[in-house]
């Protein structure tokens, strides 16, 4: 249920005060951050990507290895949506908060690169990024852009120019571990933070969903902005159930106005 206007403003003001007091605030963002940009999330009723697909059937490492065509056929419409998407007002607002020094880093579960396109610089992509491809045989990395058009328009599966093996999008599939270096950077960011701002994540996917617990164990403030409740709402200092494209820009305006 959305907050009434006066209650929403009060919550935004409280969150803004906490952000102003913080010196090393870190944000944690999930799929809900990019839904205003037209990219579907995974679990929402009637619109989530898992509504009509079993994730282990289409988005697992086993499927990619043994039935790559099936994976690429399923992934193609999502790749097209991500390719067409533009950063929304929440992305730009968070980038403004980083530029002004109120947020030092963003940990994101998203693979779309929209935070960087909006201007955020310190971004830890714990689930990988669609902007990169990696050879499954020689492990050579490639920029995805040059392979994207043939894939989207002709369904051409990308292959390595060096060894001709299939190129895998550098994203974390089911049955895969998170990228070690990026995950350690995310853990360190939370360990050194003095506030955690969670936005657009229902906190259902672990181990990323465990990061707020680490913040609480250190006794730092927790702000949660999401359309639906999370398992840790009752422990947070501020909880706002609302539209990120509206709330985050209003929060940034409140923080940045002196």
Protein backbone atom coordinates (compact mmCIF):
# COMPACT_ATOMS: atom_id res chain seq x y z
CA UNK A 1 0.00 0.00 0.00
CA UNK A 2 1.34 3.43 -0.99
CA UNK A 3 1.96 6.01 1.69
CA UNK A 4 -0.29 9.04 2.06
CA UNK A 5 1.35 12.26 0.83
CA UNK A 6 2.09 13.75 4.27
CA UNK A 7 3.39 10.45 5.66
CA UNK A 8 5.56 9.98 2.57
CA UNK A 9 7.08 13.44 2.94
CA UNK A 10 7.80 12.82 6.62
CA UNK A 11 9.56 9.55 5.79
CA UNK A 12 11.57 11.19 3.00
CA UNK A 13 12.65 13.96 5.36
CA UNK A 14 13.76 11.43 8.00
CA UNK A 15 15.70 9.45 5.40
CA UNK A 16 17.29 12.67 4.15
CA UNK A 17 18.45 13.59 7.66
CA UNK A 18 20.09 10.20 8.05
CA UNK A 19 21.82 10.52 4.67
CA UNK A 20 23.09 14.00 5.51
CA UNK A 21 24.58 12.71 8.76
CA UNK A 22 26.28 9.75 7.06
CA UNK A 23 29.79 9.93 5.64
CA UNK A 24 30.04 6.52 4.01
CA UNK A 25 26.51 5.63 2.90
CA UNK A 26 26.21 2.67 0.54
CA UNK A 27 23.20 1.85 -1.63
CA UNK A 28 21.96 -1.62 -2.51
CA UNK A 29 19.70 -1.79 -5.56
CA UNK A 30 17.64 -4.56 -7.13
CA UNK A 31 15.40 -5.22 -10.12
CA UNK A 32 12.75 -2.75 -8.94
CA UNK A 33 15.20 0.05 -9.62
CA UNK A 34 15.05 -0.62 -13.36
CA UNK A 35 11.37 -1.48 -13.81
CA UNK A 36 10.54 2.22 -14.40
CA UNK A 37 12.98 1.98 -17.33
CA UNK A 38 10.89 -0.80 -18.87
CA UNK A 39 12.98 -3.77 -17.72
CA UNK A 40 10.82 -6.46 -16.06
CA UNK A 41 11.76 -7.84 -12.68
CA UNK A 42 11.78 -11.54 -11.91
CA UNK A 43 9.09 -12.18 -9.32
CA UNK A 44 6.25 -9.66 -9.63
CA UNK A 45 2.85 -11.23 -10.15
CA UNK A 46 1.65 -11.16 -13.79
CA UNK A 47 4.78 -9.37 -15.06
CA UNK A 48 7.82 -11.08 -13.53
CA UNK A 49 10.14 -13.12 -15.72
CA UNK A 50 9.48 -16.24 -13.65
CA UNK A 51 5.70 -15.95 -14.06
CA UNK A 52 5.74 -18.19 -17.13
CA UNK A 53 9.23 -19.71 -16.95
CA UNK A 54 10.96 -22.10 -14.60
CA UNK A 55 14.30 -20.35 -13.94
CA UNK A 56 16.16 -23.66 -13.73
CA UNK A 57 14.81 -24.58 -17.17
CA UNK A 58 15.89 -21.41 -18.97
CA UNK A 59 18.40 -19.47 -16.86
CA UNK A 60 20.64 -22.05 -15.26
CA UNK A 61 24.26 -22.87 -15.98
CA UNK A 62 23.21 -26.41 -16.91
CA UNK A 63 20.82 -25.11 -19.56
CA UNK A 64 23.49 -22.81 -20.95
CA UNK A 65 26.06 -25.60 -21.15
CA UNK A 66 23.88 -28.36 -22.56
CA UNK A 67 21.12 -26.43 -24.35
CA UNK A 68 22.63 -23.05 -25.26
CA UNK A 69 20.11 -22.42 -28.04
CA UNK A 70 17.27 -22.73 -25.52
CA UNK A 71 18.99 -20.24 -23.23
CA UNK A 72 19.65 -17.70 -25.98
CA UNK A 73 16.09 -17.98 -27.30
CA UNK A 74 14.70 -17.21 -23.84
CA UNK A 75 17.25 -14.47 -23.15
CA UNK A 76 16.80 -12.61 -26.44
CA UNK A 77 13.63 -10.59 -25.57
CA UNK A 78 15.13 -9.59 -22.21
CA UNK A 79 18.37 -8.54 -23.89
CA UNK A 80 16.36 -6.42 -26.33
CA UNK A 81 14.51 -4.69 -23.46
CA UNK A 82 17.75 -3.97 -21.63
CA UNK A 83 19.39 -2.69 -24.81
CA UNK A 84 16.49 -0.29 -25.44
CA UNK A 85 16.23 0.90 -21.81
CA UNK A 86 17.38 4.30 -20.61
CA UNK A 87 18.26 5.35 -17.06
CA UNK A 88 15.24 6.63 -15.16
CA UNK A 89 14.95 9.50 -12.69
CA UNK A 90 15.95 7.24 -9.77
CA UNK A 91 19.22 6.32 -11.50
CA UNK A 92 20.09 9.97 -12.09
CA UNK A 93 19.13 10.94 -8.53
CA UNK A 94 21.40 8.28 -7.04
CA UNK A 95 24.25 9.42 -9.30
CA UNK A 96 23.73 12.96 -7.99
CA UNK A 97 23.94 11.71 -4.41
CA UNK A 98 27.22 9.96 -5.23
CA UNK A 99 28.65 13.02 -6.96
CA UNK A 100 27.78 15.15 -3.93
CA UNK A 101 29.48 12.65 -1.60
CA UNK A 102 26.35 11.43 0.17
CA UNK A 103 26.66 7.90 -1.29
CA UNK A 104 30.11 6.38 -1.70
CA UNK A 105 29.18 3.20 -3.59
CA UNK A 106 26.29 1.27 -5.11
CA UNK A 107 25.95 -2.49 -4.89
CA UNK A 108 23.53 -3.65 -7.55
CA UNK A 109 21.87 -6.94 -8.42
CA UNK A 110 21.03 -5.52 -11.86
CA UNK A 111 22.85 -6.48 -15.05
CA UNK A 112 21.73 -3.55 -17.21
CA UNK A 113 24.51 -1.01 -16.59
CA UNK A 114 21.99 1.81 -16.13
CA UNK A 115 23.61 3.10 -12.93
CA UNK A 116 26.84 3.77 -14.82
CA UNK A 117 25.00 5.30 -17.77
CA UNK A 118 23.31 7.71 -15.35
CA UNK A 119 26.67 8.79 -13.94
CA UNK A 120 27.32 6.55 -10.94
CA UNK A 121 30.99 5.60 -10.85
CA UNK A 122 31.53 3.27 -7.90
CA UNK A 123 29.21 0.40 -8.83
CA UNK A 124 29.64 -3.23 -7.77
CA UNK A 125 27.63 -5.50 -10.11
CA UNK A 126 27.31 -8.62 -7.96
CA UNK A 127 25.22 -10.45 -10.58
CA UNK A 128 27.44 -9.42 -13.49
CA UNK A 129 26.71 -7.25 -16.51
CA UNK A 130 25.16 -7.72 -19.92
CA UNK A 131 27.75 -5.30 -21.34
CA UNK A 132 30.37 -8.07 -21.31
CA UNK A 133 30.74 -11.54 -22.86
CA UNK A 134 33.23 -14.24 -21.88
CA UNK A 135 34.40 -17.20 -23.96
CA UNK A 136 33.42 -20.52 -22.39
CA UNK A 137 36.63 -22.16 -23.59
CA UNK A 138 39.52 -19.68 -23.58
CA UNK A 139 37.87 -17.22 -21.13
CA UNK A 140 38.70 -14.20 -23.27
CA UNK A 141 36.41 -11.27 -22.39
CA UNK A 142 34.68 -9.20 -25.07
CA UNK A 143 32.51 -6.10 -25.16
CA UNK A 144 28.97 -7.23 -25.90
CA UNK A 145 28.04 -4.29 -28.11
CA UNK A 146 29.51 -5.61 -31.37
CA UNK A 147 27.71 -8.96 -30.99
CA UNK A 148 24.40 -7.53 -29.86
CA UNK A 149 22.86 -6.46 -33.17
CA UNK A 150 23.28 -9.84 -34.96
CA UNK A 151 21.90 -11.58 -31.87
CA UNK A 152 18.85 -9.33 -31.52
CA UNK A 153 17.98 -9.09 -35.21
CA UNK A 154 19.09 -12.50 -36.53
CA UNK A 155 19.17 -14.64 -33.34
CA UNK A 156 22.85 -15.27 -34.07
CA UNK A 157 24.51 -16.88 -31.05
CA UNK A 158 27.79 -15.06 -30.29
CA UNK A 159 30.99 -17.07 -30.72
CA UNK A 160 34.60 -16.40 -29.86
CA UNK A 161 36.65 -15.02 -32.80
CA UNK A 162 39.73 -16.81 -31.44
CA UNK A 163 38.49 -20.35 -30.77
CA UNK A 164 34.89 -20.36 -32.13
CA UNK A 165 33.33 -21.47 -28.83
CA UNK A 166 30.14 -19.87 -27.55
CA UNK A 167 30.39 -16.57 -25.70
CA UNK A 168 28.47 -16.39 -22.44
CA UNK A 169 26.93 -13.15 -21.19
CA UNK A 170 28.97 -12.18 -18.13
CA UNK A 171 25.96 -12.54 -15.82
CA UNK A 172 25.35 -14.90 -12.92
CA UNK A 173 23.02 -17.76 -13.83
CA UNK A 174 21.35 -20.18 -11.45
CA UNK A 175 23.91 -22.76 -10.21
CA UNK A 176 26.69 -20.17 -10.48
CA UNK A 177 28.55 -18.40 -7.70
CA UNK A 178 28.79 -14.62 -7.54
CA UNK A 179 31.98 -13.10 -9.00
CA UNK A 180 34.46 -13.40 -6.13
CA UNK A 181 36.29 -10.07 -6.48
CA UNK A 182 33.10 -8.03 -6.91
CA UNK A 183 31.40 -9.78 -4.00
CA UNK A 184 34.37 -9.09 -1.71
CA UNK A 185 34.28 -5.43 -2.76
CA UNK A 186 30.56 -5.32 -1.89
CA UNK A 187 31.18 -6.94 1.50
CA UNK A 188 33.97 -4.47 2.23
CA UNK A 189 31.78 -1.52 1.23
CA UNK A 190 29.06 -2.61 3.67
CA UNK A 191 31.62 -3.32 6.40
CA UNK A 192 32.97 0.23 6.08
CA UNK A 193 29.63 1.98 5.61
CA UNK A 194 27.76 4.07 8.15
CA UNK A 195 24.35 3.80 6.43
CA UNK A 196 22.75 1.32 4.03
CA UNK A 197 20.13 2.51 1.55
CA UNK A 198 18.20 -0.39 0.01
CA UNK A 199 16.12 0.48 -3.04
CA UNK A 200 14.16 -1.67 -5.47
CA UNK A 201 15.06 -5.02 -3.93
CA UNK A 202 12.66 -7.42 -2.24
CA UNK A 203 15.71 -9.06 -0.61
CA UNK A 204 14.75 -12.56 -1.69
CA UNK A 205 18.00 -13.56 -3.39
CA UNK A 206 20.92 -14.63 -1.24
CA UNK A 207 23.74 -14.04 -0.49
CA UNK A 208 23.09 -10.40 -1.47
CA UNK A 209 20.02 -10.32 0.77
CA UNK A 210 22.27 -11.04 3.76
CA UNK A 211 24.07 -7.69 3.47
CA UNK A 212 21.39 -5.75 5.44
CA UNK A 213 21.86 -8.17 8.35
CA UNK A 214 25.56 -7.30 8.44
CA UNK A 215 24.64 -3.63 8.52
CA UNK A 216 22.22 -4.20 11.40
CA UNK A 217 24.84 -6.17 13.33
CA UNK A 218 27.05 -3.08 13.16
CA UNK A 219 24.20 -0.88 14.34
CA UNK A 220 24.17 1.46 11.34
CA UNK A 221 20.96 3.06 10.01
CA UNK A 222 18.96 1.18 7.40
CA UNK A 223 16.67 2.84 4.83
CA UNK A 224 14.44 0.64 2.66
CA UNK A 225 12.56 1.96 -0.37
CA UNK A 226 10.62 -0.69 -2.26
CA UNK A 227 7.12 -1.24 -3.61
CA UNK A 228 6.62 -4.42 -1.59
CA UNK A 229 7.65 -5.37 1.97
CA UNK A 230 10.96 -7.09 2.72
CA UNK A 231 11.91 -9.55 5.44
CA UNK A 232 13.82 -6.87 7.32
CA UNK A 233 11.41 -3.91 7.18
CA UNK A 234 10.66 -4.04 10.90
CA UNK A 235 14.34 -3.53 11.71
CA UNK A 236 14.85 -0.55 9.41
CA UNK A 237 15.01 3.07 10.52
CA UNK A 238 12.93 4.24 7.55
CA UNK A 239 10.69 2.15 5.27
CA UNK A 240 8.97 3.63 2.24
CA UNK A 241 6.70 1.50 0.07
CA UNK A 242 6.41 3.57 -3.07
CA UNK A 243 7.49 4.27 -6.64
CA UNK A 244 11.27 4.63 -6.79
CA UNK A 245 11.08 6.94 -9.79
CA UNK A 246 9.21 9.38 -7.55
CA UNK A 247 10.74 8.70 -4.13
CA UNK A 248 14.48 8.63 -4.91
CA UNK A 249 14.48 11.98 -6.78
CA UNK A 250 12.51 13.57 -3.92
CA UNK A 251 14.94 12.11 -1.43
CA UNK A 252 17.93 13.42 -3.41
CA UNK A 253 16.33 16.87 -3.65
CA UNK A 254 15.79 16.90 0.12
CA UNK A 255 19.39 15.86 0.80
CA UNK A 256 20.95 18.24 -1.68
CA UNK A 257 18.93 21.30 -0.76
CA UNK A 258 20.85 23.33 1.82
